[in-house]
Protein backbone atom coordinates (compact mmCIF):
# COMPACT_ATOMS: atom_id res chain seq x y z
CA MET A 1 0.00 0.00 0.00
CA ILE A 2 1.30 3.47 -0.91
CA PRO A 3 1.74 5.68 2.16
CA LEU A 4 -0.84 8.47 2.36
CA GLN A 5 1.86 11.15 2.53
CA SER A 6 3.51 9.83 -0.64
CA LEU A 7 0.16 9.62 -2.41
CA LEU A 8 -0.71 13.21 -1.51
CA SER A 9 2.74 14.38 -2.55
CA HIS A 10 2.43 12.63 -5.91
CA THR A 11 -1.06 14.06 -6.47
CA LEU A 12 0.15 17.56 -5.67
CA ARG A 13 3.11 17.23 -8.04
CA THR A 14 0.79 15.98 -10.79
CA ALA A 15 -1.67 18.84 -10.28
CA CYS A 16 1.13 21.39 -10.36
CA ALA A 17 2.55 19.85 -13.51
CA VAL A 18 -0.85 19.98 -15.23
CA GLY A 19 -1.36 23.58 -14.11
CA LEU A 20 2.05 24.64 -15.38
CA ALA A 21 1.41 22.86 -18.66
CA LEU A 22 -1.88 24.69 -19.11
CA CYS A 23 -0.29 28.03 -18.27
CA ALA A 24 2.47 27.36 -20.77
CA ALA A 25 -0.03 26.25 -23.39
CA ALA A 26 -2.07 29.48 -23.27
CA PRO A 27 0.73 31.75 -24.56
CA ALA A 28 1.67 29.12 -27.12
CA LEU A 29 -1.89 28.97 -28.43
CA ALA A 30 -2.07 32.77 -28.55
CA GLN A 31 1.28 32.91 -30.35
CA ASP A 32 0.00 30.39 -32.89
CA TYR A 33 -3.17 32.40 -33.54
CA PRO A 34 -4.68 32.17 -36.06
CA ASN A 35 -4.06 28.70 -37.47
CA LYS A 36 -7.59 28.16 -38.78
CA PRO A 37 -10.50 30.26 -40.12
CA ASP A 38 -12.21 32.79 -37.87
CA ARG A 39 -15.98 33.22 -37.67
CA LEU A 40 -17.45 36.70 -37.34
CA VAL A 41 -20.96 36.56 -35.91
CA VAL A 42 -22.97 39.54 -37.15
CA PRO A 43 -26.21 39.91 -35.13
CA ALA A 44 -28.02 41.64 -38.02
CA PHE A 45 -29.65 40.78 -41.33
CA VAL A 46 -27.68 40.52 -44.55
CA GLY A 47 -27.62 43.82 -46.45
CA THR A 48 -28.03 46.12 -43.46
CA PRO A 49 -25.37 48.79 -42.83
CA ILE A 50 -24.13 46.75 -39.84
CA ASP A 51 -23.66 43.73 -42.09
CA ILE A 52 -22.09 45.66 -44.97
CA ILE A 53 -19.53 47.38 -42.74
CA SER A 54 -18.74 44.11 -40.96
CA ARG A 55 -18.12 42.39 -44.28
CA GLN A 56 -15.89 45.17 -45.54
CA VAL A 57 -13.71 44.90 -42.45
CA ALA A 58 -13.82 41.08 -42.47
CA THR A 59 -12.57 40.94 -46.06
CA ARG A 60 -9.53 43.02 -45.17
CA LEU A 61 -9.06 41.19 -41.87
CA THR A 62 -8.72 37.96 -43.85
CA GLN A 63 -5.73 39.49 -45.61
CA GLU A 64 -4.23 40.82 -42.37
CA LEU A 65 -4.53 37.55 -40.42
CA GLY A 66 -3.74 35.20 -43.28
CA GLN A 67 -6.81 33.08 -42.51
CA PRO A 68 -10.41 33.38 -43.77
CA VAL A 69 -12.77 35.44 -41.63
CA VAL A 70 -16.20 34.01 -42.40
CA VAL A 71 -19.24 36.20 -41.72
CA ASP A 72 -22.14 34.37 -40.07
CA ASN A 73 -25.34 36.40 -39.77
CA LYS A 74 -27.33 35.67 -36.60
CA PRO A 75 -30.07 38.33 -36.46
CA GLY A 76 -32.79 38.51 -33.85
CA GLY A 77 -33.64 40.19 -30.59
CA THR A 78 -31.42 43.23 -31.17
CA GLY A 79 -28.31 41.11 -30.93
CA ILE A 80 -29.47 38.55 -28.37
CA VAL A 81 -29.39 35.61 -30.80
CA GLY A 82 -25.90 36.40 -32.02
CA ALA A 83 -24.46 37.16 -28.59
CA SER A 84 -25.89 33.95 -27.14
CA ASP A 85 -24.28 31.98 -29.96
CA VAL A 86 -20.86 33.50 -29.25
CA LEU A 87 -21.12 32.65 -25.55
CA ARG A 88 -21.55 28.98 -26.44
CA GLN A 89 -18.20 28.91 -28.26
CA PRO A 90 -14.70 28.45 -26.79
CA ALA A 91 -12.92 31.59 -25.60
CA ASP A 92 -10.09 31.16 -28.09
CA GLY A 93 -10.53 34.13 -30.43
CA TYR A 94 -11.91 32.10 -33.32
CA THR A 95 -15.44 33.43 -32.83
CA LEU A 96 -15.72 37.22 -33.05
CA MET A 97 -18.89 39.27 -32.71
CA THR A 98 -19.93 42.57 -34.19
CA LEU A 99 -21.31 44.74 -31.41
CA TYR A 100 -23.46 47.72 -32.41
CA MET A 101 -24.83 50.53 -30.30
CA PRO A 102 -28.46 49.34 -29.80
CA MET A 103 -27.11 46.10 -28.28
CA THR A 104 -25.93 48.14 -25.28
CA VAL A 105 -29.60 48.91 -24.60
CA SER A 106 -30.89 45.32 -24.87
CA GLN A 107 -30.09 44.28 -21.32
CA SER A 108 -32.06 47.27 -20.01
CA VAL A 109 -35.24 46.64 -22.00
CA ASN A 110 -35.42 42.89 -22.62
CA ARG A 111 -35.90 40.40 -19.79
CA GLN A 112 -34.67 37.57 -22.01
CA VAL A 113 -31.13 38.95 -21.90
CA THR A 114 -29.14 36.87 -19.41
CA PHE A 115 -25.69 38.16 -20.31
CA ASP A 116 -23.87 41.37 -19.47
CA LEU A 117 -21.70 42.91 -22.17
CA ARG A 118 -19.31 44.25 -19.52
CA ARG A 119 -18.90 40.90 -17.76
CA ASP A 120 -19.27 38.17 -20.36
CA PHE A 121 -17.42 39.71 -23.30
CA VAL A 122 -14.03 41.26 -23.92
CA PRO A 123 -13.78 44.34 -26.17
CA ILE A 124 -11.39 44.15 -29.10
CA VAL A 125 -11.79 47.35 -31.07
CA GLN A 126 -14.32 49.94 -32.21
CA THR A 127 -14.38 49.98 -36.00
CA VAL A 128 -16.62 52.92 -37.00
CA PHE A 129 -19.07 55.51 -35.79
CA SER A 130 -21.72 57.57 -37.55
CA TYR A 131 -24.24 60.28 -36.77
CA ASN A 132 -27.91 60.65 -37.50
CA VAL A 133 -29.43 63.81 -38.90
CA LEU A 134 -32.61 65.44 -37.61
CA VAL A 135 -34.86 66.02 -40.62
CA VAL A 136 -38.37 67.32 -41.23
CA PRO A 137 -40.53 67.45 -44.37
CA PRO A 138 -41.24 70.85 -45.98
CA SER A 139 -44.74 70.79 -44.48
CA VAL A 140 -43.32 71.21 -40.96
CA PRO A 141 -42.59 74.95 -40.50
CA VAL A 142 -39.33 74.78 -38.55
CA ASN A 143 -35.70 75.44 -39.49
CA THR A 144 -33.83 74.72 -36.25
CA PRO A 145 -34.04 72.21 -33.39
CA ALA A 146 -35.15 75.04 -31.08
CA GLU A 147 -38.07 75.82 -33.39
CA LEU A 148 -39.00 72.12 -33.44
CA VAL A 149 -38.98 72.06 -29.64
CA ALA A 150 -41.23 75.13 -29.59
CA LEU A 151 -43.63 73.35 -31.95
CA LEU A 152 -43.58 70.24 -29.75
CA LYS A 153 -44.43 72.37 -26.72
CA SER A 154 -47.32 74.01 -28.54
CA LYS A 155 -48.71 70.61 -29.58
CA PRO A 156 -47.88 68.19 -26.75
CA GLY A 157 -48.16 64.57 -27.84
CA GLN A 158 -49.50 65.48 -31.28
CA LEU A 159 -46.33 65.20 -33.39
CA ASN A 160 -44.93 61.87 -34.57
CA PHE A 161 -41.32 60.80 -35.00
CA ALA A 162 -40.19 57.73 -36.89
CA SER A 163 -37.47 55.18 -36.25
CA GLY A 164 -36.19 51.86 -37.52
CA GLY A 165 -37.50 50.11 -34.42
CA VAL A 166 -37.51 50.17 -30.64
CA THR A 167 -34.03 50.98 -29.22
CA SER A 168 -32.70 51.96 -32.66
CA PRO A 169 -30.49 55.09 -32.68
CA ALA A 170 -33.35 57.09 -34.23
CA HIS A 171 -35.70 55.99 -31.45
CA LEU A 172 -33.24 56.72 -28.65
CA ALA A 173 -32.38 60.14 -30.10
CA GLY A 174 -36.07 61.04 -30.28
CA GLU A 175 -36.66 59.99 -26.69
CA LEU A 176 -33.58 61.88 -25.55
CA LEU A 177 -34.83 65.06 -27.22
CA THR A 178 -38.20 64.90 -25.48
CA LEU A 179 -36.60 64.07 -22.13
CA GLN A 180 -34.13 66.94 -22.31
CA THR A 181 -36.76 69.47 -23.39
CA GLY A 182 -39.74 68.32 -21.33
CA THR A 183 -41.85 67.71 -24.42
CA ARG A 184 -43.94 64.79 -25.67
CA ALA A 185 -44.09 63.14 -29.09
CA LEU A 186 -45.43 59.85 -30.41
CA HIS A 187 -42.83 57.29 -31.44
CA VAL A 188 -43.73 55.36 -34.60
CA PRO A 189 -41.38 52.39 -35.13
CA TYR A 190 -40.99 50.91 -38.60
CA ASN A 191 -39.61 47.53 -39.66
CA ASN A 192 -39.12 48.90 -43.15
CA PHE A 193 -36.85 51.95 -43.38
CA PRO A 194 -38.01 53.01 -46.89
CA GLN A 195 -41.58 53.07 -45.59
CA ALA A 196 -40.53 55.36 -42.75
CA ILE A 197 -38.88 57.73 -45.21
CA GLY A 198 -41.94 57.53 -47.46
CA ASP A 199 -44.25 58.58 -44.64
CA LEU A 200 -41.82 61.32 -43.65
CA LEU A 201 -41.75 62.68 -47.21
CA ALA A 202 -45.54 62.54 -47.34
CA GLY A 203 -45.83 64.55 -44.13
CA ARG A 204 -47.48 61.75 -42.15
CA ILE A 205 -44.44 61.83 -39.85
CA GLU A 206 -43.27 65.21 -38.55
CA PHE A 207 -39.60 64.48 -37.80
CA MET A 208 -36.94 61.80 -37.66
CA PHE A 209 -33.35 61.34 -36.54
CA ALA A 210 -32.47 59.49 -39.73
CA ALA A 211 -29.35 57.62 -40.73
CA THR A 212 -27.42 59.92 -43.04
CA PRO A 213 -26.83 57.96 -46.31
CA PRO A 214 -30.52 57.25 -47.12
CA VAL A 215 -31.60 60.89 -46.74
CA VAL A 216 -28.71 62.84 -48.28
CA GLY A 217 -30.33 62.71 -51.73
CA HIS A 218 -33.68 63.88 -50.37
CA ILE A 219 -31.96 66.76 -48.56
CA ALA A 220 -30.12 67.82 -51.72
CA ALA A 221 -33.38 67.75 -53.68
CA GLY A 222 -35.21 69.83 -51.08
CA ARG A 223 -37.61 67.04 -50.16
CA LEU A 224 -36.35 67.00 -46.56
CA ARG A 225 -35.00 69.83 -44.44
CA PRO A 226 -32.01 69.06 -42.18
CA LEU A 227 -32.02 70.76 -38.78
CA ALA A 228 -28.93 69.29 -37.10
CA VAL A 229 -26.68 66.25 -36.84
CA THR A 230 -26.44 64.30 -33.60
CA GLY A 231 -22.66 64.19 -33.24
CA ASP A 232 -20.08 66.41 -31.64
CA ARG A 233 -18.75 67.47 -35.03
CA ARG A 234 -20.25 68.28 -38.43
CA LEU A 235 -20.45 65.69 -41.18
CA PRO A 236 -18.40 66.32 -44.34
CA VAL A 237 -21.35 65.28 -46.49
CA LEU A 238 -23.56 67.84 -44.66
CA LYS A 239 -20.96 70.45 -43.80
CA ASP A 240 -23.50 73.30 -43.66
CA VAL A 241 -25.71 71.49 -41.14
CA PRO A 242 -24.87 72.33 -37.50
CA THR A 243 -24.63 69.85 -34.67
CA MET A 244 -27.21 69.65 -31.90
CA VAL A 245 -24.53 71.04 -29.57
CA GLU A 246 -24.03 74.05 -31.85
CA SER A 247 -27.80 74.46 -31.93
CA GLY A 248 -28.04 75.03 -28.20
CA PHE A 249 -28.29 71.47 -26.87
CA PRO A 250 -24.93 70.97 -25.11
CA ASP A 251 -25.71 67.51 -23.74
CA PHE A 252 -27.18 66.07 -26.92
CA VAL A 253 -24.69 63.75 -28.60
CA VAL A 254 -25.88 60.44 -30.04
CA ARG A 255 -23.47 58.26 -31.95
CA ASP A 256 -24.25 55.08 -33.78
CA TRP A 257 -21.20 52.82 -33.76
CA GLN A 258 -19.99 49.28 -34.05
CA GLY A 259 -16.95 47.21 -33.18
CA PHE A 260 -15.72 43.70 -32.40
CA MET A 261 -15.88 41.69 -29.18
CA VAL A 262 -15.03 38.14 -28.11
CA ARG A 263 -16.06 35.93 -25.25
CA ALA A 264 -14.51 36.72 -21.87
CA GLY A 265 -11.47 34.57 -21.19
CA THR A 266 -9.94 35.02 -24.63
CA PRO A 267 -6.14 35.36 -24.33
CA PRO A 268 -5.07 39.03 -24.23
CA ALA A 269 -2.43 38.37 -26.91
CA VAL A 270 -5.18 37.28 -29.32
CA VAL A 271 -7.23 40.39 -28.55
CA GLU A 272 -4.18 42.57 -29.19
CA ARG A 273 -3.43 40.76 -32.47
CA ILE A 274 -6.92 41.43 -33.83
CA ASN A 275 -6.94 44.99 -32.49
CA ALA A 276 -3.68 45.81 -34.26
CA ALA A 277 -4.93 44.27 -37.51
CA VAL A 278 -8.19 46.25 -37.49
CA ARG A 279 -6.37 49.49 -36.69
CA ARG A 280 -4.20 48.99 -39.76
CA ILE A 281 -7.31 48.27 -41.84
CA VAL A 282 -9.24 51.41 -40.94
CA ALA A 283 -6.16 53.56 -41.49
CA ASN A 284 -6.09 52.44 -45.13
CA PRO A 285 -7.27 55.24 -47.49
CA GLU A 286 -9.31 52.79 -49.58
CA ALA A 287 -11.09 51.49 -46.49
CA ILE A 288 -11.75 55.04 -45.29
CA GLU A 289 -13.27 55.94 -48.66
CA GLY A 290 -15.43 52.81 -48.73
CA LEU A 291 -16.73 53.40 -45.22
CA ALA A 292 -17.41 57.08 -45.94
CA LYS A 293 -19.83 56.04 -48.69
CA LEU A 294 -21.84 54.32 -45.97
CA GLY A 295 -21.79 57.41 -43.78
CA ALA A 296 -19.31 55.77 -41.41
CA VAL A 297 -16.13 57.24 -39.94
CA PRO A 298 -13.27 54.88 -38.93
CA SER A 299 -12.58 55.03 -35.22
CA ALA A 300 -10.18 52.28 -34.18
CA GLY A 301 -8.52 52.71 -30.80
CA THR A 302 -7.34 50.41 -28.06
CA ALA A 303 -9.36 47.57 -26.58
CA ALA A 304 -9.49 49.46 -23.28
CA GLU A 305 -10.94 52.55 -24.99
CA PHE A 306 -13.65 50.46 -26.63
CA GLY A 307 -14.41 48.83 -23.28
CA LYS A 308 -14.91 52.25 -21.68
CA LEU A 309 -17.28 53.24 -24.50
CA VAL A 310 -19.35 50.07 -24.10
CA ALA A 311 -19.62 50.48 -20.32
CA SER A 312 -20.54 54.16 -20.67
CA GLU A 313 -23.23 53.44 -23.27
CA VAL A 314 -24.77 50.61 -21.22
CA GLU A 315 -25.04 52.89 -18.19
CA SER A 316 -26.18 56.09 -19.93
CA TRP A 317 -28.83 54.44 -22.09
CA ALA A 318 -30.13 52.50 -19.08
CA ARG A 319 -30.95 55.87 -17.52
CA VAL A 320 -32.76 57.00 -20.68
CA VAL A 321 -34.67 53.70 -20.90
CA LYS A 322 -35.85 54.09 -17.31
CA ALA A 323 -36.79 57.75 -17.67
CA ALA A 324 -38.65 57.19 -20.95
CA ASN A 325 -40.19 53.90 -19.78
CA ILE A 326 -38.97 52.06 -22.90
CA SER A 327 -39.81 48.37 -23.11
CA MET A 328 -39.69 45.63 -25.73
CA GLU A 329 -42.93 44.19 -24.35
């Protein structure tokens, strides 16, 4: 019979050896990354701006990493379906996820969300950001955001604003405007963006914080009147249109953005490898030009900077959701 002390000593040595082997293996695996194709889960439908931008970056990321980056669309539940899929995969960096701004609102409005973006995922890099533009049809007699607010106050609850759905940037911007100004307006969500624009052009909707690319042509033709953009700087494509901040709303900045995340536990060296690759991609003049056509501005920084943005958005939009009583139910 083996003495108990010897048995315990042997077991301890074995456990330590296994632990050291695992610790040594982690850097080796990270150093070897990538040695097989990556999968990029895009929690949005094919053909949407989120999908198009993700694919543009994925194509160039394939070249940077030397392995295919395959886009896998997993739409549904404002990112819930895609995020849940990623959390079922190993934390090895071979399953990336596109995170977009409305997903930071999901855990505040949807009881089905069991994950926390700040706890269960690791930020890699922000890829782009964009601004919406506040537009009205010619039938609405206002030329500035202040005049729109005055009209809202004179007709409480009688004006409609459109969006691409609950918790979309257009919806959140509209709610933020009414909260900051003490006004009321009726939110009309659309599943079909062209239909929303059609009703706006027809005057059935009084205003909208619209994504820029689909309305630039209507603005140029005089079919829509731009009042302001939602960012902290003017857009090159609408250089004569002031920001909401310039228009007297110092706390009104709404950015739409997207970036990449992975499951928590992914080796830091893998995160840094992908971050560095994406930063090279969005610094490429051709990539910048391609993204600009979609109304997007490259914005790659460090993983830590993206993490701060995600945490800030989760917290700030949670306050708006509570104040505006927004719910998916």
